[in-house]
Amino acid sequence: MSADGAPAALRAGAVEHNARAWDRLAAAGSALTRPAVDAAFADPRGWLGGAGRSWLPARLDGLEVLCLAAGGGKHGPLYAAAGAKVTVLDISPAMLELDRQVARERKIDLEIVQGSMDDLSMFAPGRFDLVIHPVSTCYLPDVAAVFRAVARVVKPGGLYVSQHKSPVSLQATLAPAASGRYELVHPFGRTAPLPPEPPSRLREAGSQEFVHSLSALLGGMCAAGFTIEDVCEPDHREPGAVPGSFAHRAAFLPPYLRVLARRAAKLGTGAIFLPTPP
């Protein structure tokens, strides 16, 4: 039984299922599996910073960076192009092959490792200065194991930048009901994966996804030894968006949660950061 109450068989089934699902998505050329384009490589640091709060160190040159569950030829190659020493880990062989192709084409050095995000035992403790973790914690039933694994391989004082599917967004219907409202239909506390949905920007075709509460996400990072320094919900709203579209739904249910966390000097001492009142 895992720390989140998920049986080992459930975890193993999710890992195997989602590895196959992402292999299929990569083979089909899904939008989520398309490598970075020339414009991004023209200014990799700018692309990685994005709009608003980037949270990245001022310089990436020489930093040991782990791009976790981040295959696909985008994050790893761009961090390497920006000067970092990059390791990419992903469960999907097909997604990692995209990284190999981009590395060959761009003449970029990458260490590429196949594995699950909750088992980083192949890496030495305290190896990485920075862990970049795109949306993926929803694909495992136990996020506590993920955060413990990450805490072990980050240097004391190192950064962990992660993005997650918002729990409320995963609980809600993808399309508005007859009332015009998006409704909450999936309760917290279930260990089973969410029921299948048609492919969309919110649900990847063929994958198994699990709802994790804010307590599991934010509290789980703190329990693993991280201090949370900032949290934001990326804004995907668009004026005049059609009801039922991704942008319209985002005005009511922000789909993602981004978290900046710092590894404590000693594991087990993490805490939520509260700014000093003015």
C-alpha atoms as a PDB file:
ATOM      1  CA  MET A   1       0.000   0.000   0.000  1.00  0.00           C
ATOM      2  CA  SER A   2       1.358   3.461  -0.899  1.00  0.00           C
ATOM      3  CA  ALA A   3       1.395   6.579   1.280  1.00  0.00           C
ATOM      4  CA  ASP A   4      -1.737   7.787  -0.528  1.00  0.00           C
ATOM      5  CA  GLY A   5      -3.504   4.485   0.062  1.00  0.00           C
ATOM      6  CA  ALA A   6      -3.030   3.258  -3.508  1.00  0.00           C
ATOM      7  CA  PRO A   7      -2.278  -0.473  -3.855  1.00  0.00           C
ATOM      8  CA  ALA A   8       0.964  -1.406  -5.587  1.00  0.00           C
ATOM      9  CA  ALA A   9      -0.998  -3.198  -8.316  1.00  0.00           C
ATOM     10  CA  LEU A  10      -2.895   0.004  -9.100  1.00  0.00           C
ATOM     11  CA  ARG A  11       0.358   1.922  -9.433  1.00  0.00           C
ATOM     12  CA  ALA A  12       1.944  -0.737 -11.641  1.00  0.00           C
ATOM     13  CA  GLY A  13      -1.141  -0.861 -13.850  1.00  0.00           C
ATOM     14  CA  ALA A  14      -1.192   2.916 -14.250  1.00  0.00           C
ATOM     15  CA  VAL A  15       2.509   3.015 -15.178  1.00  0.00           C
ATOM     16  CA  GLU A  16       2.125   0.319 -17.825  1.00  0.00           C
ATOM     17  CA  HIS A  17      -1.131   1.733 -19.184  1.00  0.00           C
ATOM     18  CA  ASN A  18       0.142   5.293 -19.479  1.00  0.00           C
ATOM     19  CA  ALA A  19       3.454   4.258 -21.046  1.00  0.00           C
ATOM     20  CA  ARG A  20       1.484   2.592 -23.834  1.00  0.00           C
ATOM     21  CA  ALA A  21      -0.919   5.540 -24.095  1.00  0.00           C
ATOM     22  CA  TRP A  22       1.894   8.057 -24.589  1.00  0.00           C
ATOM     23  CA  ASP A  23       3.624   5.764 -27.073  1.00  0.00           C
ATOM     24  CA  ARG A  24       0.413   5.833 -29.109  1.00  0.00           C
ATOM     25  CA  LEU A  25       0.076   9.603 -28.786  1.00  0.00           C
ATOM     26  CA  ALA A  26       3.654  10.080 -29.999  1.00  0.00           C
ATOM     27  CA  ALA A  27       3.087   7.722 -32.935  1.00  0.00           C
ATOM     28  CA  ALA A  28      -0.055   9.654 -33.880  1.00  0.00           C
ATOM     29  CA  GLY A  29       1.728  13.016 -33.747  1.00  0.00           C
ATOM     30  CA  SER A  30      -0.518  14.445 -31.020  1.00  0.00           C
ATOM     31  CA  ALA A  31      -0.107  18.167 -30.370  1.00  0.00           C
ATOM     32  CA  LEU A  32       1.306  17.345 -26.933  1.00  0.00           C
ATOM     33  CA  THR A  33       4.108  15.290 -28.490  1.00  0.00           C
ATOM     34  CA  ARG A  34       5.429  17.815 -31.003  1.00  0.00           C
ATOM     35  CA  PRO A  35       9.070  18.847 -30.449  1.00  0.00           C
ATOM     36  CA  ALA A  36      10.144  22.453 -29.966  1.00  0.00           C
ATOM     37  CA  VAL A  37      10.202  24.562 -33.122  1.00  0.00           C
ATOM     38  CA  ASP A  38      13.017  26.698 -34.563  1.00  0.00           C
ATOM     39  CA  ALA A  39      11.662  29.900 -32.997  1.00  0.00           C
ATOM     40  CA  ALA A  40      11.993  28.402 -29.509  1.00  0.00           C
ATOM     41  CA  PHE A  41      15.613  27.383 -30.138  1.00  0.00           C
ATOM     42  CA  ALA A  42      16.366  30.905 -31.377  1.00  0.00           C
ATOM     43  CA  ASP A  43      15.714  32.145 -27.822  1.00  0.00           C
ATOM     44  CA  PRO A  44      15.508  29.112 -25.517  1.00  0.00           C
ATOM     45  CA  ARG A  45      15.885  31.091 -22.283  1.00  0.00           C
ATOM     46  CA  GLY A  46      13.083  33.442 -23.320  1.00  0.00           C
ATOM     47  CA  TRP A  47      10.806  30.576 -24.357  1.00  0.00           C
ATOM     48  CA  LEU A  48      11.402  28.717 -21.111  1.00  0.00           C
ATOM     49  CA  GLY A  49      10.720  31.845 -19.072  1.00  0.00           C
ATOM     50  CA  GLY A  50       7.374  32.362 -20.791  1.00  0.00           C
ATOM     51  CA  ALA A  51       4.924  35.051 -19.794  1.00  0.00           C
ATOM     52  CA  GLY A  52       4.689  36.292 -16.211  1.00  0.00           C
ATOM     53  CA  ARG A  53       6.658  34.672 -13.393  1.00  0.00           C
ATOM     54  CA  SER A  54       9.239  32.316 -14.876  1.00  0.00           C
ATOM     55  CA  TRP A  55      10.853  31.299 -11.550  1.00  0.00           C
ATOM     56  CA  LEU A  56      14.016  30.153 -13.351  1.00  0.00           C
ATOM     57  CA  PRO A  57      17.510  30.977 -12.094  1.00  0.00           C
ATOM     58  CA  ALA A  58      19.123  34.007 -13.734  1.00  0.00           C
ATOM     59  CA  ARG A  59      21.613  31.688 -15.458  1.00  0.00           C
ATOM     60  CA  LEU A  60      21.172  28.067 -16.470  1.00  0.00           C
ATOM     61  CA  ASP A  61      24.761  27.553 -17.662  1.00  0.00           C
ATOM     62  CA  GLY A  62      26.235  24.440 -16.094  1.00  0.00           C
ATOM     63  CA  LEU A  63      23.269  23.682 -13.831  1.00  0.00           C
ATOM     64  CA  GLU A  64      22.257  20.041 -13.442  1.00  0.00           C
ATOM     65  CA  VAL A  65      18.626  19.946 -14.568  1.00  0.00           C
ATOM     66  CA  LEU A  66      16.236  17.006 -14.472  1.00  0.00           C
ATOM     67  CA  CYS A  67      13.292  17.277 -16.870  1.00  0.00           C
ATOM     68  CA  LEU A  68      10.950  14.860 -15.136  1.00  0.00           C
ATOM     69  CA  ALA A  69       8.242  12.984 -17.053  1.00  0.00           C
ATOM     70  CA  ALA A  70       9.113  15.436 -19.822  1.00  0.00           C
ATOM     71  CA  GLY A  71       9.872  13.443 -22.955  1.00  0.00           C
ATOM     72  CA  GLY A  72       8.775  14.754 -26.330  1.00  0.00           C
ATOM     73  CA  GLY A  73      11.681  16.775 -27.668  1.00  0.00           C
ATOM     74  CA  LYS A  74      10.767  20.067 -26.048  1.00  0.00           C
ATOM     75  CA  HIS A  75      11.763  20.765 -22.443  1.00  0.00           C
ATOM     76  CA  GLY A  76      15.015  18.804 -22.312  1.00  0.00           C
ATOM     77  CA  PRO A  77      16.484  20.101 -25.593  1.00  0.00           C
ATOM     78  CA  LEU A  78      15.539  23.696 -24.792  1.00  0.00           C
ATOM     79  CA  TYR A  79      17.108  23.625 -21.325  1.00  0.00           C
ATOM     80  CA  ALA A  80      20.230  22.109 -22.870  1.00  0.00           C
ATOM     81  CA  ALA A  81      20.265  24.801 -25.562  1.00  0.00           C
ATOM     82  CA  ALA A  82      20.069  27.389 -22.763  1.00  0.00           C
ATOM     83  CA  GLY A  83      23.277  25.995 -21.246  1.00  0.00           C
ATOM     84  CA  ALA A  84      22.097  23.451 -18.673  1.00  0.00           C
ATOM     85  CA  LYS A  85      23.368  19.885 -18.238  1.00  0.00           C
ATOM     86  CA  VAL A  86      20.106  18.070 -18.830  1.00  0.00           C
ATOM     87  CA  THR A  87      18.726  14.668 -17.966  1.00  0.00           C
ATOM     88  CA  VAL A  88      15.307  13.718 -19.362  1.00  0.00           C
ATOM     89  CA  LEU A  89      13.277  10.974 -17.701  1.00  0.00           C
ATOM     90  CA  ASP A  90      10.020   9.634 -19.105  1.00  0.00           C
ATOM     91  CA  ILE A  91       8.016   6.413 -18.962  1.00  0.00           C
ATOM     92  CA  SER A  92       7.337   6.359 -22.717  1.00  0.00           C
ATOM     93  CA  PRO A  93      10.030   5.026 -25.086  1.00  0.00           C
ATOM     94  CA  ALA A  94       8.401   6.810 -28.012  1.00  0.00           C
ATOM     95  CA  MET A  95       8.458  10.176 -26.224  1.00  0.00           C
ATOM     96  CA  LEU A  96      12.137   9.690 -25.363  1.00  0.00           C
ATOM     97  CA  GLU A  97      12.896   8.850 -28.981  1.00  0.00           C
ATOM     98  CA  LEU A  98      11.654  12.337 -29.888  1.00  0.00           C
ATOM     99  CA  ASP A  99      14.288  13.765 -27.524  1.00  0.00           C
ATOM    100  CA  ARG A 100      16.970  11.638 -29.156  1.00  0.00           C
ATOM    101  CA  GLN A 101      15.930  12.845 -32.610  1.00  0.00           C
ATOM    102  CA  VAL A 102      16.012  16.510 -31.574  1.00  0.00           C
ATOM    103  CA  ALA A 103      19.356  16.041 -29.805  1.00  0.00           C
ATOM    104  CA  ARG A 104      20.859  14.561 -32.971  1.00  0.00           C
ATOM    105  CA  GLU A 105      19.395  17.242 -35.242  1.00  0.00           C
ATOM    106  CA  ARG A 106      20.411  20.138 -32.958  1.00  0.00           C
ATOM    107  CA  LYS A 107      23.714  18.582 -31.834  1.00  0.00           C
ATOM    108  CA  ILE A 108      22.638  18.841 -28.202  1.00  0.00           C
ATOM    109  CA  ASP A 109      23.911  16.647 -25.364  1.00  0.00           C
ATOM    110  CA  LEU A 110      21.160  14.978 -23.336  1.00  0.00           C
ATOM    111  CA  GLU A 111      21.146  12.137 -20.845  1.00  0.00           C
ATOM    112  CA  ILE A 112      17.989  10.163 -21.593  1.00  0.00           C
ATOM    113  CA  VAL A 113      16.523   7.706 -19.076  1.00  0.00           C
ATOM    114  CA  GLN A 114      13.376   5.602 -19.250  1.00  0.00           C
ATOM    115  CA  GLY A 115      11.584   5.301 -15.931  1.00  0.00           C
ATOM    116  CA  SER A 116       8.650   6.321 -13.782  1.00  0.00           C
ATOM    117  CA  MET A 117       8.584   9.690 -12.037  1.00  0.00           C
ATOM    118  CA  ASP A 118       8.078   8.044  -8.631  1.00  0.00           C
ATOM    119  CA  ASP A 119      11.262   5.950  -8.838  1.00  0.00           C
ATOM    120  CA  LEU A 120      14.449   7.993  -9.275  1.00  0.00           C
ATOM    121  CA  SER A 121      16.715   5.461  -7.593  1.00  0.00           C
ATOM    122  CA  MET A 122      19.063   5.477 -10.612  1.00  0.00           C
ATOM    123  CA  PHE A 123      20.213   8.996  -9.634  1.00  0.00           C
ATOM    124  CA  ALA A 124      22.563   9.904  -6.783  1.00  0.00           C
ATOM    125  CA  PRO A 125      21.101  11.857  -3.854  1.00  0.00           C
ATOM    126  CA  GLY A 126      21.360  15.628  -4.246  1.00  0.00           C
ATOM    127  CA  ARG A 127      22.433  15.466  -7.882  1.00  0.00           C
ATOM    128  CA  PHE A 128      20.217  18.141  -9.440  1.00  0.00           C
ATOM    129  CA  ASP A 129      20.115  21.918  -8.994  1.00  0.00           C
ATOM    130  CA  LEU A 130      16.708  22.165 -10.651  1.00  0.00           C
ATOM    131  CA  VAL A 131      13.872  19.742 -11.425  1.00  0.00           C
ATOM    132  CA  ILE A 132      11.379  20.776 -14.110  1.00  0.00           C
ATOM    133  CA  HIS A 133       8.180  18.746 -13.972  1.00  0.00           C
ATOM    134  CA  PRO A 134       5.488  19.446 -16.591  1.00  0.00           C
ATOM    135  CA  VAL A 135       1.906  18.244 -16.070  1.00  0.00           C
ATOM    136  CA  SER A 136       2.029  14.536 -15.237  1.00  0.00           C
ATOM    137  CA  THR A 137       1.311  13.812 -11.554  1.00  0.00           C
ATOM    138  CA  CYS A 138      -2.270  12.996 -12.594  1.00  0.00           C
ATOM    139  CA  TYR A 139      -1.000   9.784 -14.228  1.00  0.00           C
ATOM    140  CA  LEU A 140      -0.071   8.111 -10.925  1.00  0.00           C
ATOM    141  CA  PRO A 141      -2.309   7.285  -7.957  1.00  0.00           C
ATOM    142  CA  ASP A 142       0.318   8.242  -5.335  1.00  0.00           C
ATOM    143  CA  VAL A 143       1.852  11.717  -5.583  1.00  0.00           C
ATOM    144  CA  ALA A 144       3.540  11.456  -2.181  1.00  0.00           C
ATOM    145  CA  ALA A 145       5.943   8.896  -3.666  1.00  0.00           C
ATOM    146  CA  VAL A 146       6.746  11.290  -6.514  1.00  0.00           C
ATOM    147  CA  PHE A 147       7.593  14.155  -4.176  1.00  0.00           C
ATOM    148  CA  ARG A 148       9.761  11.968  -1.957  1.00  0.00           C
ATOM    149  CA  ALA A 149      11.663  10.761  -5.001  1.00  0.00           C
ATOM    150  CA  VAL A 150      12.219  14.309  -6.233  1.00  0.00           C
ATOM    151  CA  ALA A 151      13.308  15.555  -2.792  1.00  0.00           C
ATOM    152  CA  ARG A 152      15.991  12.866  -2.635  1.00  0.00           C
ATOM    153  CA  VAL A 153      17.662  13.895  -5.919  1.00  0.00           C
ATOM    154  CA  VAL A 154      17.482  17.717  -5.510  1.00  0.00           C
ATOM    155  CA  LYS A 155      20.370  19.501  -3.830  1.00  0.00           C
ATOM    156  CA  PRO A 156      19.619  21.273  -0.547  1.00  0.00           C
ATOM    157  CA  GLY A 157      18.353  24.696  -1.596  1.00  0.00           C
ATOM    158  CA  GLY A 158      17.630  23.433  -5.121  1.00  0.00           C
ATOM    159  CA  LEU A 159      14.434  24.277  -6.985  1.00  0.00           C
ATOM    160  CA  TYR A 160      11.475  22.150  -8.019  1.00  0.00           C
ATOM    161  CA  VAL A 161       9.185  23.774 -10.605  1.00  0.00           C
ATOM    162  CA  SER A 162       6.116  21.670 -11.299  1.00  0.00           C
ATOM    163  CA  GLN A 163       2.763  22.009 -13.022  1.00  0.00           C
ATOM    164  CA  HIS A 164      -0.311  19.918 -12.246  1.00  0.00           C
ATOM    165  CA  LYS A 165      -3.846  19.493 -13.467  1.00  0.00           C
ATOM    166  CA  SER A 166      -6.043  21.407 -11.052  1.00  0.00           C
ATOM    167  CA  PRO A 167      -8.036  18.989  -8.886  1.00  0.00           C
ATOM    168  CA  VAL A 168     -11.282  20.930  -9.328  1.00  0.00           C
ATOM    169  CA  SER A 169     -10.811  20.960 -13.096  1.00  0.00           C
ATOM    170  CA  LEU A 170     -10.378  17.168 -13.109  1.00  0.00           C
ATOM    171  CA  GLN A 171     -13.474  16.791 -10.948  1.00  0.00           C
ATOM    172  CA  ALA A 172     -15.663  18.785 -13.341  1.00  0.00           C
ATOM    173  CA  THR A 173     -17.454  18.012 -16.577  1.00  0.00           C
ATOM    174  CA  LEU A 174     -15.562  18.892 -19.748  1.00  0.00           C
ATOM    175  CA  ALA A 175     -18.623  20.446 -21.385  1.00  0.00           C
ATOM    176  CA  PRO A 176     -21.343  22.611 -19.804  1.00  0.00           C
ATOM    177  CA  ALA A 177     -24.556  20.907 -18.740  1.00  0.00           C
ATOM    178  CA  ALA A 178     -27.985  21.915 -20.045  1.00  0.00           C
ATOM    179  CA  SER A 179     -27.950  24.671 -17.421  1.00  0.00           C
ATOM    180  CA  GLY A 180     -24.872  26.162 -19.087  1.00  0.00           C
ATOM    181  CA  ARG A 181     -22.750  25.391 -16.030  1.00  0.00           C
ATOM    182  CA  TYR A 182     -19.745  23.133 -15.631  1.00  0.00           C
ATOM    183  CA  GLU A 183     -20.574  20.662 -12.882  1.00  0.00           C
ATOM    184  CA  LEU A 184     -18.493  18.790 -10.334  1.00  0.00           C
ATOM    185  CA  VAL A 185     -19.091  15.085 -10.867  1.00  0.00           C
ATOM    186  CA  HIS A 186     -15.968  13.244  -9.649  1.00  0.00           C
ATOM    187  CA  PRO A 187     -15.472  13.167  -5.858  1.00  0.00           C
ATOM    188  CA  PHE A 188     -12.233  13.322  -3.919  1.00  0.00           C
ATOM    189  CA  GLY A 189     -10.960  10.238  -2.186  1.00  0.00           C
ATOM    190  CA  ARG A 190     -11.384   7.720  -4.993  1.00  0.00           C
ATOM    191  CA  THR A 191      -8.350   5.577  -5.769  1.00  0.00           C
ATOM    192  CA  ALA A 192      -9.695   4.420  -9.134  1.00  0.00           C
ATOM    193  CA  PRO A 193      -8.727   6.394 -12.243  1.00  0.00           C
ATOM    194  CA  LEU A 194     -11.199   8.818 -13.767  1.00  0.00           C
ATOM    195  CA  PRO A 195     -13.620   7.331 -16.298  1.00  0.00           C
ATOM    196  CA  PRO A 196     -12.548   7.683 -19.946  1.00  0.00           C
ATOM    197  CA  GLU A 197     -13.442  10.885 -21.804  1.00  0.00           C
ATOM    198  CA  PRO A 198     -13.203  11.875 -25.479  1.00  0.00           C
ATOM    199  CA  PRO A 199      -9.748  13.280 -26.349  1.00  0.00           C
ATOM    200  CA  SER A 200      -9.377  17.011 -25.645  1.00  0.00           C
ATOM    201  CA  ARG A 201      -6.867  19.564 -24.373  1.00  0.00           C
ATOM    202  CA  LEU A 202      -7.963  18.544 -20.890  1.00  0.00           C
ATOM    203  CA  ARG A 203      -7.829  14.750 -21.175  1.00  0.00           C
ATOM    204  CA  GLU A 204      -5.226  12.813 -23.170  1.00  0.00           C
ATOM    205  CA  ALA A 205      -6.543  10.004 -25.345  1.00  0.00           C
ATOM    206  CA  GLY A 206      -6.257   6.572 -23.769  1.00  0.00           C
ATOM    207  CA  SER A 207      -4.531   7.669 -20.570  1.00  0.00           C
ATOM    208  CA  GLN A 208      -5.469   6.869 -16.986  1.00  0.00           C
ATOM    209  CA  GLU A 209      -5.738   9.938 -14.739  1.00  0.00           C
ATOM    210  CA  PHE A 210      -6.240  10.368 -11.013  1.00  0.00           C
ATOM    211  CA  VAL A 211      -7.595  13.337  -9.023  1.00  0.00           C
ATOM    212  CA  HIS A 212      -5.192  14.623  -6.344  1.00  0.00           C
ATOM    213  CA  SER A 213      -6.363  17.153  -3.788  1.00  0.00           C
ATOM    214  CA  LEU A 214      -4.517  20.373  -2.976  1.00  0.00           C
ATOM    215  CA  SER A 215      -3.606  18.750   0.330  1.00  0.00           C
ATOM    216  CA  ALA A 216      -1.941  15.898  -1.539  1.00  0.00           C
ATOM    217  CA  LEU A 217      -0.167  18.223  -3.983  1.00  0.00           C
ATOM    218  CA  LEU A 218       0.932  21.147  -1.808  1.00  0.00           C
ATOM    219  CA  GLY A 219       0.956  19.332   1.509  1.00  0.00           C
ATOM    220  CA  GLY A 220       2.735  16.408  -0.105  1.00  0.00           C
ATOM    221  CA  MET A 221       5.581  18.651  -1.268  1.00  0.00           C
ATOM    222  CA  CYS A 222       5.949  20.128   2.208  1.00  0.00           C
ATOM    223  CA  ALA A 223       5.938  16.692   3.829  1.00  0.00           C
ATOM    224  CA  ALA A 224       8.661  15.557   1.422  1.00  0.00           C
ATOM    225  CA  GLY A 225      10.966  18.408   2.485  1.00  0.00           C
ATOM    226  CA  PHE A 226      10.127  21.338   0.214  1.00  0.00           C
ATOM    227  CA  THR A 227       9.288  24.920   1.056  1.00  0.00           C
ATOM    228  CA  ILE A 228       6.632  26.316  -1.282  1.00  0.00           C
ATOM    229  CA  GLU A 229       7.662  29.798  -2.399  1.00  0.00           C
ATOM    230  CA  ASP A 230       5.029  30.609  -5.008  1.00  0.00           C
ATOM    231  CA  VAL A 231       1.890  29.203  -6.625  1.00  0.00           C
ATOM    232  CA  CYS A 232      -0.027  30.378  -9.675  1.00  0.00           C
ATOM    233  CA  GLU A 233      -2.831  29.297 -11.989  1.00  0.00           C
ATOM    234  CA  PRO A 234      -1.789  30.006 -15.593  1.00  0.00           C
ATOM    235  CA  ASP A 235      -4.461  32.083 -17.328  1.00  0.00           C
ATOM    236  CA  HIS A 236      -5.935  30.368 -20.387  1.00  0.00           C
ATOM    237  CA  ARG A 237      -9.037  32.565 -20.746  1.00  0.00           C
ATOM    238  CA  GLU A 238      -9.836  34.255 -24.040  1.00  0.00           C
ATOM    239  CA  PRO A 239     -12.386  37.037 -24.612  1.00  0.00           C
ATOM    240  CA  GLY A 240     -15.430  35.808 -26.493  1.00  0.00           C
ATOM    241  CA  ALA A 241     -14.526  32.140 -26.175  1.00  0.00           C
ATOM    242  CA  VAL A 242     -17.240  29.740 -27.311  1.00  0.00           C
ATOM    243  CA  PRO A 243     -19.045  27.942 -24.443  1.00  0.00           C
ATOM    244  CA  GLY A 244     -17.606  24.465 -24.053  1.00  0.00           C
ATOM    245  CA  SER A 245     -14.215  25.439 -25.479  1.00  0.00           C
ATOM    246  CA  PHE A 246     -10.996  25.095 -23.503  1.00  0.00           C
ATOM    247  CA  ALA A 247     -10.662  28.868 -23.134  1.00  0.00           C
ATOM    248  CA  HIS A 248     -14.297  29.336 -22.022  1.00  0.00           C
ATOM    249  CA  ARG A 249     -14.037  26.604 -19.403  1.00  0.00           C
ATOM    250  CA  ALA A 250     -10.748  28.075 -18.154  1.00  0.00           C
ATOM    251  CA  ALA A 251     -12.614  31.253 -17.139  1.00  0.00           C
ATOM    252  CA  PHE A 252     -14.513  29.171 -14.572  1.00  0.00           C
ATOM    253  CA  LEU A 253     -12.087  26.330 -13.877  1.00  0.00           C
ATOM    254  CA  PRO A 254      -8.406  27.187 -14.278  1.00  0.00           C
ATOM    255  CA  PRO A 255      -7.012  23.923 -15.651  1.00  0.00           C
ATOM    256  CA  TYR A 256      -3.498  24.015 -14.195  1.00  0.00           C
ATOM    257  CA  LEU A 257      -1.586  24.787 -11.016  1.00  0.00           C
ATOM    258  CA  ARG A 258       2.096  25.789 -11.125  1.00  0.00           C
ATOM    259  CA  VAL A 259       4.238  25.499  -8.015  1.00  0.00           C
ATOM    260  CA  LEU A 260       7.694  26.820  -7.175  1.00  0.00           C
ATOM    261  CA  ALA A 261       9.278  24.865  -4.321  1.00  0.00           C
ATOM    262  CA  ARG A 262      12.724  24.847  -2.753  1.00  0.00           C
ATOM    263  CA  ARG A 263      14.358  21.829  -1.167  1.00  0.00           C
ATOM    264  CA  ALA A 264      14.963  22.336   2.527  1.00  0.00           C
ATOM    265  CA  ALA A 265      18.477  22.043   3.947  1.00  0.00           C
ATOM    266  CA  LYS A 266      17.345  18.891   5.723  1.00  0.00           C
ATOM    267  CA  LEU A 267      14.531  16.656   4.549  1.00  0.00           C
ATOM    268  CA  GLY A 268      11.421  16.808   6.683  1.00  0.00           C
ATOM    269  CA  THR A 269      11.722  20.544   7.384  1.00  0.00           C
ATOM    270  CA  GLY A 270       9.653  21.921   4.493  1.00  0.00           C
ATOM    271  CA  ALA A 271       6.887  24.443   5.164  1.00  0.00           C
ATOM    272  CA  ILE A 272       4.558  26.685   3.206  1.00  0.00           C
ATOM    273  CA  PHE A 273       6.140  30.107   2.708  1.00  0.00           C
ATOM    274  CA  LEU A 274       4.035  33.014   3.944  1.00  0.00           C
ATOM    275  CA  PRO A 275       5.169  36.511   2.948  1.00  0.00           C
ATOM    276  CA  THR A 276       5.740  39.045   5.695  1.00  0.00           C
ATOM    277  CA  PRO A 277       2.700  41.368   6.051  1.00  0.00           C
ATOM    278  CA  PRO A 278       3.358  44.969   4.881  1.00  0.00           C
END
